[in-house]
Amino acid sequence: MGRLTKRAAILVLPLALAACFGSEGDRPTLMDGTQAGGPQPFPDNFRSDTLALMRTYLNNPVGVREASMAEPVQREVGGRQFYISCLHFTPRETDGSYKAMRERAVIFVNGRADRVVDRTSDLCAGAVYAPFPELEKMTR
């Protein structure tokens, strides 16, 4: 491969990656009201979707302790009904220590995990948690 070709590839690669990651295509979010409207399907793969989302959400997904998860239930978010699954876990801090347990809610749009919410008091009220060992076994 010639030197000019390599440089051209290096210059074009970031543009191609930006096109891939900059557009969510058909992936709806809570902000896209028209795509997220209507009755929401139950998230069949909620456990694996939650793991994938938490792997990107946590700064260090290794060493999570005391993980538990509630089955998805429908809750109102922004005036619309979405499936929500609540999580309890204790993440490893950057210094290697463990501090307080965290509660997070995963919101599912059109059957797929869409986002993690920090303020969960209303969303997770009355949630029934079961062990979620898969979250404790995450790797980078």
N, C-alpha and C. Protein backbone atom coordinates (compact mmCIF):
# COMPACT_ATOMS: atom_id res chain seq x y z
N MET A 1 0.85 -1.17 0.00
CA MET A 1 0.00 0.00 0.00
C MET A 1 0.90 1.23 0.00
N GLY A 2 0.63 2.15 -0.91
CA GLY A 2 1.46 3.33 -1.02
C GLY A 2 1.23 4.31 0.13
N ARG A 3 2.19 5.18 0.28
CA ARG A 3 2.13 6.16 1.36
C ARG A 3 0.91 7.08 1.21
N LEU A 4 0.60 7.49 -0.01
CA LEU A 4 -0.54 8.36 -0.27
C LEU A 4 -1.86 7.65 0.05
N THR A 5 -1.94 6.38 -0.28
CA THR A 5 -3.15 5.60 -0.01
C THR A 5 -3.37 5.45 1.49
N LYS A 6 -2.29 5.22 2.23
CA LYS A 6 -2.40 5.09 3.68
C LYS A 6 -2.89 6.40 4.30
N ARG A 7 -2.35 7.51 3.85
CA ARG A 7 -2.78 8.81 4.39
C ARG A 7 -4.24 9.08 4.06
N ALA A 8 -4.64 8.75 2.87
CA ALA A 8 -6.04 8.95 2.48
C ALA A 8 -6.96 8.09 3.34
N ALA A 9 -6.54 6.87 3.60
CA ALA A 9 -7.35 5.98 4.45
C ALA A 9 -7.44 6.52 5.86
N ILE A 10 -6.34 7.06 6.36
CA ILE A 10 -6.34 7.62 7.72
C ILE A 10 -7.26 8.83 7.80
N LEU A 11 -7.32 9.62 6.74
CA LEU A 11 -8.20 10.79 6.74
C LEU A 11 -9.66 10.43 6.57
N VAL A 12 -9.95 9.39 5.82
CA VAL A 12 -11.33 9.00 5.55
C VAL A 12 -11.94 8.18 6.68
N LEU A 13 -11.12 7.43 7.41
CA LEU A 13 -11.62 6.56 8.48
C LEU A 13 -12.43 7.32 9.53
N PRO A 14 -11.96 8.45 10.07
CA PRO A 14 -12.77 9.15 11.07
C PRO A 14 -14.13 9.61 10.52
N LEU A 15 -14.17 10.00 9.26
CA LEU A 15 -15.44 10.42 8.66
C LEU A 15 -16.41 9.24 8.55
N ALA A 16 -15.88 8.10 8.17
CA ALA A 16 -16.74 6.91 8.06
C ALA A 16 -17.25 6.48 9.43
N LEU A 17 -16.38 6.53 10.44
CA LEU A 17 -16.81 6.17 11.79
C LEU A 17 -17.83 7.16 12.33
N ALA A 18 -17.64 8.44 12.06
CA ALA A 18 -18.60 9.45 12.51
C ALA A 18 -19.96 9.21 11.88
N ALA A 19 -19.98 8.80 10.63
CA ALA A 19 -21.25 8.51 9.98
C ALA A 19 -21.94 7.31 10.62
N CYS A 20 -21.15 6.32 11.03
CA CYS A 20 -21.73 5.13 11.67
C CYS A 20 -22.28 5.45 13.05
N PHE A 21 -21.50 6.16 13.85
CA PHE A 21 -21.88 6.40 15.23
C PHE A 21 -22.71 7.65 15.42
N GLY A 22 -22.66 8.56 14.47
CA GLY A 22 -23.39 9.81 14.61
C GLY A 22 -24.87 9.66 14.34
N SER A 23 -25.26 8.68 13.58
CA SER A 23 -26.66 8.47 13.24
C SER A 23 -27.17 7.24 13.94
N GLU A 24 -28.25 7.37 14.66
CA GLU A 24 -28.81 6.22 15.34
C GLU A 24 -29.77 5.44 14.44
N GLY A 25 -29.93 5.91 13.21
CA GLY A 25 -30.76 5.18 12.27
C GLY A 25 -32.16 4.99 12.78
N ASP A 26 -32.60 3.74 12.84
CA ASP A 26 -33.96 3.45 13.28
C ASP A 26 -34.05 3.25 14.78
N ARG A 27 -32.98 3.47 15.50
CA ARG A 27 -33.00 3.27 16.95
C ARG A 27 -33.70 4.44 17.63
N PRO A 28 -34.88 4.20 18.17
CA PRO A 28 -35.62 5.28 18.81
C PRO A 28 -35.08 5.59 20.20
N THR A 29 -35.29 6.82 20.62
CA THR A 29 -34.95 7.20 21.98
C THR A 29 -36.15 7.88 22.59
N LEU A 30 -36.08 8.17 23.86
CA LEU A 30 -37.20 8.84 24.52
C LEU A 30 -37.48 10.20 23.91
N MET A 31 -36.48 10.83 23.35
CA MET A 31 -36.66 12.15 22.77
C MET A 31 -37.40 12.09 21.44
N ASP A 32 -37.38 10.97 20.78
CA ASP A 32 -38.07 10.81 19.50
C ASP A 32 -39.48 10.32 19.74
N GLY A 33 -40.36 11.22 20.07
CA GLY A 33 -41.72 10.85 20.44
C GLY A 33 -42.48 10.06 19.39
N THR A 34 -42.26 10.36 18.11
CA THR A 34 -43.04 9.68 17.09
C THR A 34 -42.64 8.21 16.96
N GLN A 35 -41.37 7.90 17.15
CA GLN A 35 -40.93 6.51 17.02
C GLN A 35 -41.23 5.71 18.28
N ALA A 36 -41.28 6.37 19.41
CA ALA A 36 -41.49 5.65 20.66
C ALA A 36 -42.96 5.62 21.07
N GLY A 37 -43.81 6.20 20.26
CA GLY A 37 -45.22 6.25 20.60
C GLY A 37 -45.90 4.90 20.46
N GLY A 38 -47.08 4.79 21.00
CA GLY A 38 -47.85 3.56 20.90
C GLY A 38 -47.49 2.59 21.98
N PRO A 39 -48.17 1.46 21.99
CA PRO A 39 -47.90 0.44 23.02
C PRO A 39 -46.50 -0.13 22.85
N GLN A 40 -45.83 -0.30 23.97
CA GLN A 40 -44.46 -0.80 23.96
C GLN A 40 -44.46 -2.32 24.13
N PRO A 41 -43.66 -3.02 23.32
CA PRO A 41 -43.56 -4.48 23.48
C PRO A 41 -42.71 -4.82 24.70
N PHE A 42 -42.98 -5.98 25.29
CA PHE A 42 -42.18 -6.44 26.42
C PHE A 42 -40.76 -6.72 25.93
N PRO A 43 -39.73 -6.27 26.65
CA PRO A 43 -38.34 -6.52 26.23
C PRO A 43 -37.92 -7.96 26.53
N ASP A 44 -38.02 -8.82 25.54
CA ASP A 44 -37.71 -10.24 25.72
C ASP A 44 -36.27 -10.49 26.16
N ASN A 45 -35.33 -9.70 25.65
CA ASN A 45 -33.91 -9.88 25.97
C ASN A 45 -33.44 -8.85 26.98
N PHE A 46 -34.27 -8.57 27.98
CA PHE A 46 -33.95 -7.48 28.89
C PHE A 46 -32.67 -7.72 29.69
N ARG A 47 -32.36 -8.96 30.02
CA ARG A 47 -31.15 -9.22 30.81
C ARG A 47 -29.88 -8.95 29.98
N SER A 48 -29.82 -9.49 28.78
CA SER A 48 -28.63 -9.28 27.95
C SER A 48 -28.53 -7.84 27.47
N ASP A 49 -29.67 -7.20 27.17
CA ASP A 49 -29.64 -5.79 26.78
C ASP A 49 -29.15 -4.92 27.93
N THR A 50 -29.58 -5.24 29.14
CA THR A 50 -29.14 -4.47 30.32
C THR A 50 -27.65 -4.63 30.53
N LEU A 51 -27.14 -5.84 30.37
CA LEU A 51 -25.69 -6.06 30.51
C LEU A 51 -24.91 -5.24 29.49
N ALA A 52 -25.35 -5.24 28.26
CA ALA A 52 -24.65 -4.48 27.22
C ALA A 52 -24.67 -2.98 27.53
N LEU A 53 -25.80 -2.49 27.98
CA LEU A 53 -25.91 -1.08 28.30
C LEU A 53 -25.07 -0.71 29.52
N MET A 54 -25.08 -1.55 30.54
CA MET A 54 -24.31 -1.28 31.76
C MET A 54 -22.80 -1.36 31.49
N ARG A 55 -22.40 -2.18 30.56
CA ARG A 55 -20.98 -2.29 30.21
C ARG A 55 -20.48 -0.94 29.69
N THR A 56 -21.32 -0.22 28.96
CA THR A 56 -20.92 1.10 28.46
C THR A 56 -21.20 2.20 29.48
N TYR A 57 -22.18 2.00 30.35
CA TYR A 57 -22.55 3.01 31.34
C TYR A 57 -21.52 3.14 32.46
N LEU A 58 -21.04 2.01 32.94
CA LEU A 58 -20.09 2.02 34.06
C LEU A 58 -18.68 2.34 33.56
N ASN A 59 -17.97 3.17 34.31
CA ASN A 59 -16.58 3.47 33.95
C ASN A 59 -15.72 2.22 34.02
N ASN A 60 -15.95 1.41 35.04
CA ASN A 60 -15.22 0.16 35.21
C ASN A 60 -16.24 -0.93 35.52
N PRO A 61 -16.64 -1.72 34.54
CA PRO A 61 -17.66 -2.74 34.78
C PRO A 61 -17.17 -3.96 35.55
N VAL A 62 -15.88 -4.03 35.83
CA VAL A 62 -15.30 -5.17 36.52
C VAL A 62 -15.46 -5.00 38.03
N GLY A 63 -15.84 -6.06 38.72
CA GLY A 63 -15.88 -6.04 40.17
C GLY A 63 -17.17 -5.53 40.78
N VAL A 64 -18.25 -5.52 40.04
CA VAL A 64 -19.54 -5.11 40.60
C VAL A 64 -19.98 -6.14 41.63
N ARG A 65 -20.53 -5.68 42.74
CA ARG A 65 -20.98 -6.58 43.81
C ARG A 65 -22.45 -6.36 44.10
N GLU A 66 -23.03 -7.34 44.78
CA GLU A 66 -24.40 -7.26 45.29
C GLU A 66 -25.41 -6.83 44.24
N ALA A 67 -25.30 -7.39 43.03
CA ALA A 67 -26.18 -6.99 41.94
C ALA A 67 -27.52 -7.71 42.02
N SER A 68 -28.57 -6.94 41.83
CA SER A 68 -29.92 -7.50 41.75
C SER A 68 -30.73 -6.68 40.75
N MET A 69 -31.74 -7.33 40.19
CA MET A 69 -32.52 -6.70 39.13
C MET A 69 -33.98 -7.05 39.30
N ALA A 70 -34.85 -6.12 38.97
CA ALA A 70 -36.29 -6.35 38.99
C ALA A 70 -36.77 -6.62 37.57
N GLU A 71 -37.77 -7.47 37.45
CA GLU A 71 -38.38 -7.74 36.13
C GLU A 71 -38.94 -6.44 35.57
N PRO A 72 -38.93 -6.25 34.27
CA PRO A 72 -39.47 -5.03 33.68
C PRO A 72 -40.97 -4.88 33.95
N VAL A 73 -41.35 -3.66 34.30
CA VAL A 73 -42.76 -3.30 34.49
C VAL A 73 -43.00 -1.99 33.75
N GLN A 74 -44.25 -1.77 33.39
CA GLN A 74 -44.57 -0.53 32.68
C GLN A 74 -44.74 0.62 33.67
N ARG A 75 -44.09 1.73 33.34
CA ARG A 75 -44.17 2.95 34.12
C ARG A 75 -44.31 4.13 33.16
N GLU A 76 -44.85 5.21 33.67
CA GLU A 76 -44.99 6.40 32.85
C GLU A 76 -43.73 7.24 32.94
N VAL A 77 -43.17 7.58 31.78
CA VAL A 77 -41.99 8.43 31.69
C VAL A 77 -42.29 9.47 30.62
N GLY A 78 -42.28 10.73 31.00
CA GLY A 78 -42.54 11.78 30.03
C GLY A 78 -43.92 11.71 29.42
N GLY A 79 -44.88 11.23 30.18
CA GLY A 79 -46.25 11.15 29.69
C GLY A 79 -46.56 9.92 28.86
N ARG A 80 -45.60 9.02 28.68
CA ARG A 80 -45.81 7.79 27.90
C ARG A 80 -45.42 6.58 28.72
N GLN A 81 -45.95 5.43 28.38
CA GLN A 81 -45.66 4.18 29.07
C GLN A 81 -44.46 3.49 28.43
N PHE A 82 -43.49 3.13 29.27
CA PHE A 82 -42.32 2.38 28.84
C PHE A 82 -42.06 1.26 29.84
N TYR A 83 -41.40 0.22 29.38
CA TYR A 83 -40.96 -0.82 30.31
C TYR A 83 -39.70 -0.33 31.01
N ILE A 84 -39.67 -0.53 32.33
CA ILE A 84 -38.57 -0.11 33.17
C ILE A 84 -38.10 -1.31 33.98
N SER A 85 -36.80 -1.50 34.07
CA SER A 85 -36.23 -2.52 34.93
C SER A 85 -35.28 -1.83 35.89
N CYS A 86 -35.40 -2.13 37.17
CA CYS A 86 -34.59 -1.46 38.19
C CYS A 86 -33.43 -2.36 38.61
N LEU A 87 -32.30 -1.72 38.92
CA LEU A 87 -31.08 -2.43 39.32
C LEU A 87 -30.59 -1.89 40.66
N HIS A 88 -30.06 -2.78 41.47
CA HIS A 88 -29.28 -2.44 42.67
C HIS A 88 -27.92 -3.06 42.46
N PHE A 89 -26.87 -2.31 42.74
CA PHE A 89 -25.52 -2.86 42.62
C PHE A 89 -24.54 -1.94 43.34
N THR A 90 -23.39 -2.49 43.66
CA THR A 90 -22.30 -1.72 44.26
C THR A 90 -21.12 -1.80 43.30
N PRO A 91 -20.82 -0.69 42.60
CA PRO A 91 -19.70 -0.71 41.65
C PRO A 91 -18.38 -0.48 42.36
N ARG A 92 -17.32 -0.93 41.73
CA ARG A 92 -15.97 -0.67 42.24
C ARG A 92 -15.62 0.77 41.84
N GLU A 93 -15.13 1.52 42.81
CA GLU A 93 -14.73 2.90 42.56
C GLU A 93 -13.37 2.92 41.85
N THR A 94 -12.98 4.08 41.36
CA THR A 94 -11.72 4.17 40.62
C THR A 94 -10.51 3.84 41.49
N ASP A 95 -10.62 4.05 42.82
CA ASP A 95 -9.51 3.73 43.71
C ASP A 95 -9.53 2.27 44.18
N GLY A 96 -10.49 1.47 43.68
CA GLY A 96 -10.57 0.06 44.03
C GLY A 96 -11.48 -0.23 45.21
N SER A 97 -11.98 0.79 45.87
CA SER A 97 -12.85 0.60 47.04
C SER A 97 -14.31 0.44 46.61
N TYR A 98 -15.13 0.09 47.57
CA TYR A 98 -16.57 -0.02 47.36
C TYR A 98 -17.27 0.93 48.31
N LYS A 99 -18.20 1.71 47.80
CA LYS A 99 -18.91 2.66 48.64
C LYS A 99 -20.38 2.28 48.70
N ALA A 100 -21.26 3.21 48.50
CA ALA A 100 -22.69 2.97 48.65
C ALA A 100 -23.29 2.18 47.49
N MET A 101 -24.35 1.46 47.81
CA MET A 101 -25.10 0.75 46.79
C MET A 101 -25.81 1.78 45.91
N ARG A 102 -25.90 1.48 44.63
CA ARG A 102 -26.55 2.38 43.67
C ARG A 102 -27.85 1.74 43.19
N GLU A 103 -28.80 2.58 42.89
CA GLU A 103 -30.04 2.12 42.27
C GLU A 103 -30.17 2.86 40.95
N ARG A 104 -30.40 2.12 39.90
CA ARG A 104 -30.57 2.69 38.56
C ARG A 104 -31.76 2.04 37.90
N ALA A 105 -32.34 2.74 36.94
CA ALA A 105 -33.44 2.19 36.15
C ALA A 105 -33.01 2.15 34.70
N VAL A 106 -33.32 1.06 34.04
CA VAL A 106 -33.06 0.92 32.61
C VAL A 106 -34.41 1.07 31.91
N ILE A 107 -34.46 1.99 30.96
CA ILE A 107 -35.69 2.23 30.21
C ILE A 107 -35.58 1.54 28.86
N PHE A 108 -36.62 0.79 28.52
CA PHE A 108 -36.66 0.05 27.26
C PHE A 108 -37.62 0.74 26.31
N VAL A 109 -37.16 0.96 25.08
CA VAL A 109 -37.99 1.56 24.04
C VAL A 109 -38.08 0.55 22.90
N ASN A 110 -39.29 0.24 22.51
CA ASN A 110 -39.54 -0.73 21.44
C ASN A 110 -38.83 -2.05 21.69
N GLY A 111 -38.81 -2.47 22.96
CA GLY A 111 -38.27 -3.78 23.32
C GLY A 111 -36.77 -3.84 23.50
N ARG A 112 -36.08 -2.68 23.40
CA ARG A 112 -34.61 -2.67 23.54
C ARG A 112 -34.20 -1.67 24.61
N ALA A 113 -33.11 -1.99 25.32
CA ALA A 113 -32.59 -1.09 26.35
C ALA A 113 -32.16 0.21 25.68
N ASP A 114 -32.64 1.33 26.22
CA ASP A 114 -32.37 2.61 25.59
C ASP A 114 -31.46 3.49 26.42
N ARG A 115 -31.71 3.55 27.73
CA ARG A 115 -30.91 4.42 28.58
C ARG A 115 -30.98 4.02 30.03
N VAL A 116 -30.01 4.53 30.80
CA VAL A 116 -29.94 4.30 32.24
C VAL A 116 -30.31 5.62 32.92
N VAL A 117 -31.19 5.54 33.92
CA VAL A 117 -31.65 6.72 34.63
C VAL A 117 -31.15 6.65 36.07
N ASP A 118 -30.61 7.77 36.55
CA ASP A 118 -30.09 7.83 37.92
C ASP A 118 -31.18 8.10 38.94
N ARG A 119 -32.11 8.96 38.64
CA ARG A 119 -33.17 9.31 39.60
C ARG A 119 -34.30 8.30 39.47
N THR A 120 -34.35 7.40 40.43
CA THR A 120 -35.25 6.25 40.30
C THR A 120 -36.33 6.17 41.36
N SER A 121 -36.48 7.17 42.21
CA SER A 121 -37.40 7.05 43.34
C SER A 121 -38.83 6.70 42.90
N ASP A 122 -39.37 7.37 41.91
CA ASP A 122 -40.73 7.07 41.45
C ASP A 122 -40.76 5.82 40.57
N LEU A 123 -39.75 5.66 39.74
CA LEU A 123 -39.74 4.55 38.79
C LEU A 123 -39.59 3.19 39.46
N CYS A 124 -38.82 3.13 40.53
CA CYS A 124 -38.51 1.85 41.16
C CYS A 124 -39.27 1.60 42.46
N ALA A 125 -40.24 2.42 42.75
CA ALA A 125 -41.03 2.22 43.97
C ALA A 125 -41.75 0.87 43.90
N GLY A 126 -41.56 0.05 44.90
CA GLY A 126 -42.22 -1.24 44.97
C GLY A 126 -41.60 -2.34 44.12
N ALA A 127 -40.42 -2.10 43.57
CA ALA A 127 -39.76 -3.11 42.72
C ALA A 127 -39.35 -4.32 43.56
N VAL A 128 -39.50 -5.50 42.97
CA VAL A 128 -39.11 -6.75 43.62
C VAL A 128 -37.83 -7.24 42.93
N TYR A 129 -36.75 -7.27 43.70
CA TYR A 129 -35.44 -7.58 43.15
C TYR A 129 -35.09 -9.06 43.31
N ALA A 130 -34.38 -9.56 42.30
CA ALA A 130 -33.85 -10.93 42.32
C ALA A 130 -32.36 -10.83 41.99
N PRO A 131 -31.54 -11.76 42.44
CA PRO A 131 -30.10 -11.71 42.14
C PRO A 131 -29.84 -11.61 40.64
N PHE A 132 -28.81 -10.86 40.30
CA PHE A 132 -28.42 -10.65 38.90
C PHE A 132 -26.91 -10.91 38.79
N PRO A 133 -26.51 -12.19 38.90
CA PRO A 133 -25.08 -12.52 38.95
C PRO A 133 -24.33 -12.17 37.66
N GLU A 134 -25.03 -12.08 36.53
CA GLU A 134 -24.37 -11.73 35.28
C GLU A 134 -23.71 -10.36 35.35
N LEU A 135 -24.33 -9.44 36.10
CA LEU A 135 -23.75 -8.10 36.24
C LEU A 135 -22.46 -8.15 37.05
N GLU A 136 -22.39 -9.07 37.99
CA GLU A 136 -21.18 -9.21 38.80
C GLU A 136 -20.03 -9.86 38.03
N LYS A 137 -20.33 -10.55 36.95
CA LYS A 137 -19.32 -11.27 36.18
C LYS A 137 -18.84 -10.49 34.95
N MET A 138 -19.24 -9.22 34.84
CA MET A 138 -18.86 -8.44 33.65
C MET A 138 -17.35 -8.25 33.56
N THR A 139 -16.88 -8.17 32.34
CA THR A 139 -15.47 -7.88 32.06
C THR A 139 -15.43 -6.67 31.13
N ARG A 140 -14.26 -6.21 30.87
CA ARG A 140 -14.12 -5.04 29.97
C ARG A 140 -14.34 -5.40 28.56
